[in-house]
Amino acid sequence: MRNVMDLFTNSLTQGTLYEFCKRGLLDAHLQHVRPIYAERRDAMSAALRRYCPELSFDAPSGGLFVWARLPRGVTGFQLLEASVRQGVGFLVGTLFYAGRGGDDRIRLCFAGHTPRAIADGVRKLAVALREVQGGEAVRAEPDVESLIV
């Protein structure tokens, strides 16, 4: 979709980023955000282990995403449909494959969410996963205990 919209980043954004880097601000910014992203990655890993033990994943050593493998018989699109009903979204793995593949993978972003929101989102993802695996369709109610990470 990005390529269809404009084919490249606009000149103003490119120029701003160039100046940001030229002035040496990138290193200071990275020092500031690395511990924040590490905390959020750890919050997502802990929430996935607690609420979605059927998903397999490796906590990344870098980046802003956790890639998870779905249990046998569950596709990313099935889970996405159920997750949206819970108010949670993610990207399905098939979007990242040039050919066939990725049906059993999802990409979860932790960058823009607090640890509390991550725990709540993963808990809702777990409700959607149970639904897809044959459970009843239910709406996840807030779980105060899960919000404290």
N, C-alpha and C. Protein backbone atom coordinates (compact mmCIF):
# COMPACT_ATOMS: atom_id res chain seq x y z
N MET A 1 0.83 -1.19 0.00
CA MET A 1 0.00 0.00 0.00
C MET A 1 0.87 1.25 0.00
N ARG A 2 1.99 1.19 0.72
CA ARG A 2 2.86 2.36 0.79
C ARG A 2 3.34 2.75 -0.62
N ASN A 3 3.78 1.77 -1.39
CA ASN A 3 4.25 2.06 -2.74
C ASN A 3 3.15 2.60 -3.63
N VAL A 4 1.94 2.11 -3.46
CA VAL A 4 0.82 2.61 -4.25
C VAL A 4 0.54 4.06 -3.91
N MET A 5 0.69 4.44 -2.64
CA MET A 5 0.37 5.80 -2.20
C MET A 5 1.38 6.82 -2.71
N ASP A 6 2.69 6.56 -2.57
CA ASP A 6 3.62 7.62 -2.96
C ASP A 6 4.98 7.14 -3.47
N LEU A 7 5.24 5.87 -3.49
CA LEU A 7 6.47 5.27 -4.01
C LEU A 7 7.74 5.59 -3.21
N PHE A 8 7.74 6.63 -2.39
CA PHE A 8 8.94 6.96 -1.62
C PHE A 8 8.56 7.91 -0.49
N THR A 9 9.49 8.07 0.45
CA THR A 9 9.27 9.01 1.54
C THR A 9 9.40 10.42 1.00
N ASN A 10 8.55 11.33 1.45
CA ASN A 10 8.58 12.68 0.91
C ASN A 10 9.87 13.41 1.27
N SER A 11 10.18 14.43 0.50
CA SER A 11 11.44 15.15 0.64
C SER A 11 11.58 15.85 1.99
N LEU A 12 10.52 16.39 2.52
CA LEU A 12 10.58 17.06 3.81
C LEU A 12 11.00 16.08 4.91
N THR A 13 10.40 14.89 4.92
CA THR A 13 10.75 13.87 5.92
C THR A 13 12.19 13.43 5.75
N GLN A 14 12.61 13.21 4.51
CA GLN A 14 14.00 12.81 4.26
C GLN A 14 14.97 13.89 4.73
N GLY A 15 14.68 15.14 4.43
CA GLY A 15 15.55 16.25 4.84
C GLY A 15 15.62 16.40 6.35
N THR A 16 14.48 16.23 7.00
CA THR A 16 14.43 16.33 8.46
C THR A 16 15.26 15.21 9.10
N LEU A 17 15.11 14.01 8.61
CA LEU A 17 15.89 12.89 9.14
C LEU A 17 17.38 13.09 8.88
N TYR A 18 17.72 13.61 7.71
CA TYR A 18 19.13 13.89 7.39
C TYR A 18 19.71 14.86 8.42
N GLU A 19 19.01 15.94 8.70
CA GLU A 19 19.49 16.94 9.67
C GLU A 19 19.59 16.34 11.08
N PHE A 20 18.62 15.55 11.43
CA PHE A 20 18.61 14.87 12.73
C PHE A 20 19.89 14.05 12.91
N CYS A 21 20.22 13.27 11.89
CA CYS A 21 21.41 12.43 11.95
C CYS A 21 22.69 13.27 11.86
N LYS A 22 22.70 14.24 10.97
CA LYS A 22 23.87 15.10 10.77
C LYS A 22 24.25 15.83 12.06
N ARG A 23 23.28 16.21 12.83
CA ARG A 23 23.53 16.93 14.09
C ARG A 23 23.88 16.00 15.25
N GLY A 24 23.93 14.70 14.99
CA GLY A 24 24.32 13.75 16.02
C GLY A 24 23.23 13.41 17.02
N LEU A 25 22.00 13.67 16.65
CA LEU A 25 20.89 13.44 17.58
C LEU A 25 20.42 11.98 17.59
N LEU A 26 20.76 11.22 16.56
CA LEU A 26 20.30 9.84 16.49
C LEU A 26 20.87 9.00 17.63
N ASP A 27 22.15 9.15 17.91
CA ASP A 27 22.76 8.35 18.99
C ASP A 27 22.11 8.62 20.34
N ALA A 28 21.86 9.89 20.63
CA ALA A 28 21.19 10.23 21.90
C ALA A 28 19.78 9.67 21.93
N HIS A 29 19.10 9.75 20.81
CA HIS A 29 17.74 9.20 20.74
C HIS A 29 17.76 7.69 20.98
N LEU A 30 18.69 7.00 20.35
CA LEU A 30 18.77 5.54 20.52
C LEU A 30 19.08 5.16 21.96
N GLN A 31 19.95 5.93 22.62
CA GLN A 31 20.24 5.66 24.03
C GLN A 31 18.99 5.81 24.89
N HIS A 32 18.14 6.74 24.51
CA HIS A 32 16.90 6.98 25.25
C HIS A 32 15.88 5.87 25.01
N VAL A 33 15.70 5.44 23.75
CA VAL A 33 14.60 4.51 23.43
C VAL A 33 14.95 3.04 23.63
N ARG A 34 16.22 2.68 23.58
CA ARG A 34 16.57 1.25 23.72
C ARG A 34 16.04 0.63 25.00
N PRO A 35 16.23 1.25 26.17
CA PRO A 35 15.67 0.62 27.38
C PRO A 35 14.14 0.59 27.39
N ILE A 36 13.52 1.56 26.77
CA ILE A 36 12.05 1.57 26.69
C ILE A 36 11.57 0.40 25.85
N TYR A 37 12.19 0.22 24.69
CA TYR A 37 11.79 -0.89 23.82
C TYR A 37 12.13 -2.24 24.44
N ALA A 38 13.23 -2.33 25.15
CA ALA A 38 13.58 -3.59 25.84
C ALA A 38 12.53 -3.93 26.88
N GLU A 39 12.08 -2.93 27.64
CA GLU A 39 11.04 -3.16 28.64
C GLU A 39 9.75 -3.65 27.97
N ARG A 40 9.40 -3.05 26.86
CA ARG A 40 8.18 -3.42 26.15
C ARG A 40 8.31 -4.80 25.52
N ARG A 41 9.48 -5.12 24.98
CA ARG A 41 9.71 -6.46 24.44
C ARG A 41 9.57 -7.49 25.54
N ASP A 42 10.15 -7.21 26.70
CA ASP A 42 10.07 -8.14 27.82
C ASP A 42 8.63 -8.29 28.32
N ALA A 43 7.88 -7.19 28.31
CA ALA A 43 6.47 -7.25 28.72
C ALA A 43 5.68 -8.13 27.76
N MET A 44 5.95 -8.00 26.45
CA MET A 44 5.23 -8.83 25.49
C MET A 44 5.62 -10.29 25.65
N SER A 45 6.89 -10.56 25.83
CA SER A 45 7.34 -11.95 26.00
C SER A 45 6.68 -12.58 27.23
N ALA A 46 6.66 -11.84 28.33
CA ALA A 46 6.05 -12.36 29.56
C ALA A 46 4.55 -12.59 29.37
N ALA A 47 3.87 -11.66 28.72
CA ALA A 47 2.43 -11.80 28.50
C ALA A 47 2.13 -12.97 27.57
N LEU A 48 2.93 -13.15 26.54
CA LEU A 48 2.72 -14.28 25.63
C LEU A 48 2.92 -15.60 26.36
N ARG A 49 3.96 -15.68 27.19
CA ARG A 49 4.18 -16.93 27.95
C ARG A 49 3.01 -17.19 28.91
N ARG A 50 2.48 -16.13 29.51
CA ARG A 50 1.41 -16.28 30.50
C ARG A 50 0.06 -16.61 29.85
N TYR A 51 -0.32 -15.85 28.83
CA TYR A 51 -1.67 -15.96 28.27
C TYR A 51 -1.76 -16.81 27.01
N CYS A 52 -0.69 -16.94 26.28
CA CYS A 52 -0.71 -17.66 25.00
C CYS A 52 0.41 -18.69 24.93
N PRO A 53 0.45 -19.63 25.86
CA PRO A 53 1.56 -20.59 25.85
C PRO A 53 1.57 -21.48 24.60
N GLU A 54 0.44 -21.52 23.87
CA GLU A 54 0.43 -22.34 22.65
C GLU A 54 1.16 -21.67 21.49
N LEU A 55 1.48 -20.41 21.61
CA LEU A 55 2.27 -19.73 20.57
C LEU A 55 3.74 -19.94 20.84
N SER A 56 4.50 -20.21 19.80
CA SER A 56 5.95 -20.29 19.98
C SER A 56 6.59 -19.03 19.41
N PHE A 57 7.61 -18.55 20.07
CA PHE A 57 8.28 -17.33 19.65
C PHE A 57 9.64 -17.25 20.32
N ASP A 58 10.50 -16.45 19.76
CA ASP A 58 11.77 -16.11 20.38
C ASP A 58 11.75 -14.61 20.63
N ALA A 59 12.10 -14.19 21.83
CA ALA A 59 12.18 -12.76 22.11
C ALA A 59 13.30 -12.19 21.24
N PRO A 60 13.02 -11.15 20.47
CA PRO A 60 14.05 -10.61 19.57
C PRO A 60 15.14 -9.88 20.35
N SER A 61 16.35 -9.91 19.81
CA SER A 61 17.44 -9.16 20.43
C SER A 61 17.48 -7.73 19.89
N GLY A 62 16.68 -7.46 18.89
CA GLY A 62 16.57 -6.11 18.33
C GLY A 62 15.26 -5.99 17.60
N GLY A 63 14.98 -4.80 17.13
CA GLY A 63 13.75 -4.58 16.38
C GLY A 63 12.59 -4.18 17.28
N LEU A 64 11.41 -4.14 16.68
CA LEU A 64 10.22 -3.65 17.35
C LEU A 64 9.07 -4.65 17.33
N PHE A 65 9.35 -5.88 16.94
CA PHE A 65 8.29 -6.87 16.74
C PHE A 65 8.67 -8.22 17.34
N VAL A 66 7.64 -8.96 17.71
CA VAL A 66 7.79 -10.37 18.06
C VAL A 66 7.07 -11.16 16.98
N TRP A 67 7.77 -12.12 16.40
CA TRP A 67 7.16 -13.03 15.44
C TRP A 67 6.75 -14.28 16.21
N ALA A 68 5.50 -14.68 16.06
CA ALA A 68 5.00 -15.87 16.76
C ALA A 68 4.47 -16.87 15.75
N ARG A 69 4.65 -18.14 16.09
CA ARG A 69 4.11 -19.23 15.27
C ARG A 69 2.84 -19.73 15.93
N LEU A 70 1.80 -19.85 15.13
CA LEU A 70 0.49 -20.28 15.63
C LEU A 70 0.44 -21.79 15.79
N PRO A 71 -0.45 -22.26 16.63
CA PRO A 71 -0.61 -23.71 16.77
C PRO A 71 -1.18 -24.32 15.48
N ARG A 72 -0.94 -25.58 15.31
CA ARG A 72 -1.43 -26.30 14.13
C ARG A 72 -2.95 -26.11 14.00
N GLY A 73 -3.40 -25.85 12.79
CA GLY A 73 -4.83 -25.72 12.53
C GLY A 73 -5.35 -24.30 12.66
N VAL A 74 -4.51 -23.34 13.05
CA VAL A 74 -4.93 -21.95 13.19
C VAL A 74 -4.15 -21.13 12.17
N THR A 75 -4.86 -20.31 11.38
CA THR A 75 -4.17 -19.43 10.44
C THR A 75 -4.20 -18.00 10.97
N GLY A 76 -3.27 -17.23 10.46
CA GLY A 76 -3.19 -15.83 10.87
C GLY A 76 -4.47 -15.06 10.58
N PHE A 77 -5.07 -15.32 9.42
CA PHE A 77 -6.30 -14.59 9.08
C PHE A 77 -7.47 -14.99 9.98
N GLN A 78 -7.55 -16.26 10.35
CA GLN A 78 -8.60 -16.68 11.29
C GLN A 78 -8.44 -15.97 12.62
N LEU A 79 -7.21 -15.94 13.11
CA LEU A 79 -6.95 -15.30 14.40
C LEU A 79 -7.15 -13.80 14.32
N LEU A 80 -6.78 -13.20 13.21
CA LEU A 80 -6.96 -11.76 13.06
C LEU A 80 -8.44 -11.39 13.12
N GLU A 81 -9.27 -12.14 12.44
CA GLU A 81 -10.71 -11.87 12.46
C GLU A 81 -11.26 -11.91 13.89
N ALA A 82 -10.88 -12.93 14.63
CA ALA A 82 -11.35 -13.04 16.02
C ALA A 82 -10.72 -11.96 16.90
N SER A 83 -9.48 -11.62 16.64
CA SER A 83 -8.78 -10.62 17.45
C SER A 83 -9.38 -9.23 17.28
N VAL A 84 -9.75 -8.90 16.07
CA VAL A 84 -10.35 -7.58 15.82
C VAL A 84 -11.63 -7.43 16.64
N ARG A 85 -12.38 -8.50 16.79
CA ARG A 85 -13.58 -8.44 17.63
C ARG A 85 -13.24 -8.15 19.09
N GLN A 86 -12.03 -8.50 19.49
CA GLN A 86 -11.57 -8.22 20.86
C GLN A 86 -10.90 -6.85 20.96
N GLY A 87 -10.72 -6.19 19.83
CA GLY A 87 -10.09 -4.87 19.83
C GLY A 87 -8.58 -4.90 19.71
N VAL A 88 -8.05 -5.99 19.14
CA VAL A 88 -6.60 -6.16 19.00
C VAL A 88 -6.27 -6.47 17.55
N GLY A 89 -5.18 -5.93 17.07
CA GLY A 89 -4.75 -6.20 15.71
C GLY A 89 -3.29 -6.61 15.65
N PHE A 90 -2.90 -7.17 14.54
CA PHE A 90 -1.52 -7.57 14.27
C PHE A 90 -1.40 -7.77 12.76
N LEU A 91 -0.23 -8.07 12.27
CA LEU A 91 -0.05 -8.37 10.86
C LEU A 91 0.15 -9.87 10.69
N VAL A 92 -0.51 -10.42 9.69
CA VAL A 92 -0.39 -11.85 9.42
C VAL A 92 0.89 -12.11 8.63
N GLY A 93 1.47 -13.26 8.85
CA GLY A 93 2.74 -13.59 8.23
C GLY A 93 2.71 -13.64 6.72
N THR A 94 1.58 -14.00 6.14
CA THR A 94 1.51 -14.12 4.67
C THR A 94 1.85 -12.82 3.97
N LEU A 95 1.65 -11.69 4.63
CA LEU A 95 1.95 -10.39 4.01
C LEU A 95 3.45 -10.21 3.77
N PHE A 96 4.28 -11.01 4.41
CA PHE A 96 5.73 -10.86 4.32
C PHE A 96 6.38 -11.91 3.43
N TYR A 97 5.58 -12.72 2.75
CA TYR A 97 6.09 -13.75 1.87
C TYR A 97 5.77 -13.39 0.42
N ALA A 98 6.75 -13.53 -0.46
CA ALA A 98 6.53 -13.25 -1.88
C ALA A 98 5.64 -14.31 -2.52
N GLY A 99 5.77 -15.52 -2.08
CA GLY A 99 4.95 -16.62 -2.59
C GLY A 99 4.03 -17.12 -1.51
N ARG A 100 3.88 -18.42 -1.46
CA ARG A 100 3.05 -19.01 -0.42
C ARG A 100 3.87 -19.15 0.86
N GLY A 101 3.19 -19.06 1.97
CA GLY A 101 3.88 -19.25 3.24
C GLY A 101 3.45 -18.21 4.25
N GLY A 102 3.82 -18.45 5.49
CA GLY A 102 3.53 -17.52 6.56
C GLY A 102 2.14 -17.63 7.15
N ASP A 103 1.34 -18.60 6.69
CA ASP A 103 -0.03 -18.77 7.21
C ASP A 103 -0.05 -18.99 8.71
N ASP A 104 1.01 -19.58 9.22
CA ASP A 104 1.04 -19.95 10.64
C ASP A 104 1.84 -18.98 11.49
N ARG A 105 2.06 -17.77 10.96
CA ARG A 105 2.87 -16.79 11.70
C ARG A 105 2.16 -15.45 11.79
N ILE A 106 2.43 -14.74 12.89
CA ILE A 106 1.90 -13.39 13.07
C ILE A 106 3.02 -12.49 13.58
N ARG A 107 2.91 -11.21 13.25
CA ARG A 107 3.89 -10.23 13.72
C ARG A 107 3.20 -9.28 14.70
N LEU A 108 3.71 -9.26 15.91
CA LEU A 108 3.15 -8.44 16.98
C LEU A 108 4.10 -7.28 17.26
N CYS A 109 3.59 -6.07 17.26
CA CYS A 109 4.41 -4.89 17.50
C CYS A 109 4.27 -4.44 18.96
N PHE A 110 5.41 -4.22 19.60
CA PHE A 110 5.39 -3.75 20.99
C PHE A 110 5.87 -2.30 21.12
N ALA A 111 6.29 -1.70 20.04
CA ALA A 111 6.96 -0.39 20.10
C ALA A 111 6.09 0.73 20.65
N GLY A 112 4.85 0.79 20.25
CA GLY A 112 4.02 1.94 20.58
C GLY A 112 3.09 1.76 21.75
N HIS A 113 3.34 0.75 22.58
CA HIS A 113 2.41 0.45 23.66
C HIS A 113 3.14 0.31 24.99
N THR A 114 2.49 0.71 26.04
CA THR A 114 3.05 0.57 27.38
C THR A 114 3.00 -0.91 27.79
N PRO A 115 3.81 -1.30 28.76
CA PRO A 115 3.73 -2.68 29.25
C PRO A 115 2.32 -3.06 29.69
N ARG A 116 1.61 -2.15 30.31
CA ARG A 116 0.23 -2.42 30.75
C ARG A 116 -0.67 -2.71 29.54
N ALA A 117 -0.59 -1.88 28.51
CA ALA A 117 -1.40 -2.09 27.31
C ALA A 117 -1.01 -3.37 26.58
N ILE A 118 0.27 -3.69 26.58
CA ILE A 118 0.74 -4.93 25.95
C ILE A 118 0.13 -6.13 26.65
N ALA A 119 0.16 -6.15 27.97
CA ALA A 119 -0.41 -7.28 28.72
C ALA A 119 -1.90 -7.41 28.43
N ASP A 120 -2.60 -6.30 28.40
CA ASP A 120 -4.04 -6.34 28.11
C ASP A 120 -4.30 -6.82 26.69
N GLY A 121 -3.51 -6.35 25.74
CA GLY A 121 -3.68 -6.77 24.35
C GLY A 121 -3.40 -8.25 24.15
N VAL A 122 -2.37 -8.75 24.79
CA VAL A 122 -2.05 -10.18 24.65
C VAL A 122 -3.12 -11.03 25.33
N ARG A 123 -3.67 -10.55 26.43
CA ARG A 123 -4.76 -11.28 27.09
C ARG A 123 -5.96 -11.37 26.15
N LYS A 124 -6.26 -10.29 25.44
CA LYS A 124 -7.36 -10.29 24.47
C LYS A 124 -7.03 -11.20 23.28
N LEU A 125 -5.78 -11.21 22.87
CA LEU A 125 -5.34 -12.12 21.81
C LEU A 125 -5.58 -13.57 22.24
N ALA A 126 -5.33 -13.87 23.50
CA ALA A 126 -5.56 -15.23 24.01
C ALA A 126 -7.03 -15.60 23.94
N VAL A 127 -7.92 -14.66 24.24
CA VAL A 127 -9.36 -14.92 24.14
C VAL A 127 -9.71 -15.25 22.69
N ALA A 128 -9.16 -14.48 21.75
CA ALA A 128 -9.42 -14.73 20.34
C ALA A 128 -8.87 -16.09 19.90
N LEU A 129 -7.70 -16.42 20.39
CA LEU A 129 -7.10 -17.71 20.05
C LEU A 129 -7.97 -18.86 20.53
N ARG A 130 -8.48 -18.77 21.75
CA ARG A 130 -9.36 -19.82 22.27
C ARG A 130 -10.62 -19.94 21.41
N GLU A 131 -11.14 -18.80 20.99
CA GLU A 131 -12.32 -18.81 20.13
C GLU A 131 -12.03 -19.55 18.81
N VAL A 132 -10.91 -19.24 18.18
CA VAL A 132 -10.56 -19.87 16.91
C VAL A 132 -10.31 -21.36 17.09
N GLN A 133 -9.81 -21.73 18.24
CA GLN A 133 -9.53 -23.14 18.50
C GLN A 133 -10.77 -23.93 18.90
N GLY A 134 -11.93 -23.27 18.86
CA GLY A 134 -13.15 -24.01 19.10
C GLY A 134 -13.93 -23.60 20.32
N GLY A 135 -13.44 -22.62 21.04
CA GLY A 135 -14.17 -22.15 22.21
C GLY A 135 -15.27 -21.20 21.80
N GLU A 136 -15.98 -20.69 22.76
CA GLU A 136 -17.06 -19.75 22.49
C GLU A 136 -16.51 -18.37 22.19
N ALA A 137 -17.25 -17.62 21.38
CA ALA A 137 -16.89 -16.24 21.11
C ALA A 137 -17.27 -15.41 22.33
N VAL A 138 -16.28 -14.80 22.95
CA VAL A 138 -16.53 -13.98 24.13
C VAL A 138 -15.78 -12.67 24.00
N ARG A 139 -16.18 -11.71 24.76
CA ARG A 139 -15.50 -10.41 24.80
C ARG A 139 -14.63 -10.41 26.05
N ALA A 140 -13.36 -10.07 25.88
CA ALA A 140 -12.44 -10.05 27.01
C ALA A 140 -12.76 -8.87 27.92
N GLU A 141 -12.99 -9.17 29.17
CA GLU A 141 -13.21 -8.12 30.16
C GLU A 141 -11.87 -7.74 30.78
N PRO A 142 -11.71 -6.52 31.23
CA PRO A 142 -10.44 -6.12 31.84
C PRO A 142 -10.08 -7.01 33.01
N ASP A 143 -8.83 -7.37 33.08
CA ASP A 143 -8.30 -8.18 34.16
C ASP A 143 -7.23 -7.34 34.85
N VAL A 144 -7.58 -6.74 35.97
CA VAL A 144 -6.71 -5.78 36.63
C VAL A 144 -5.36 -6.41 36.94
N GLU A 145 -5.34 -7.66 37.36
CA GLU A 145 -4.08 -8.32 37.67
C GLU A 145 -3.17 -8.36 36.46
N SER A 146 -3.72 -8.59 35.26
CA SER A 146 -2.90 -8.70 34.07
C SER A 146 -2.34 -7.36 33.65
N LEU A 147 -2.92 -6.28 34.12
CA LEU A 147 -2.45 -4.97 33.72
C LEU A 147 -1.20 -4.54 34.45
N ILE A 148 -0.85 -5.26 35.49
CA ILE A 148 0.34 -4.92 36.26
C ILE A 148 1.46 -5.84 35.83
N VAL A 149 2.39 -5.29 35.07
CA VAL A 149 3.50 -6.09 34.55
C VAL A 149 4.80 -5.63 35.15
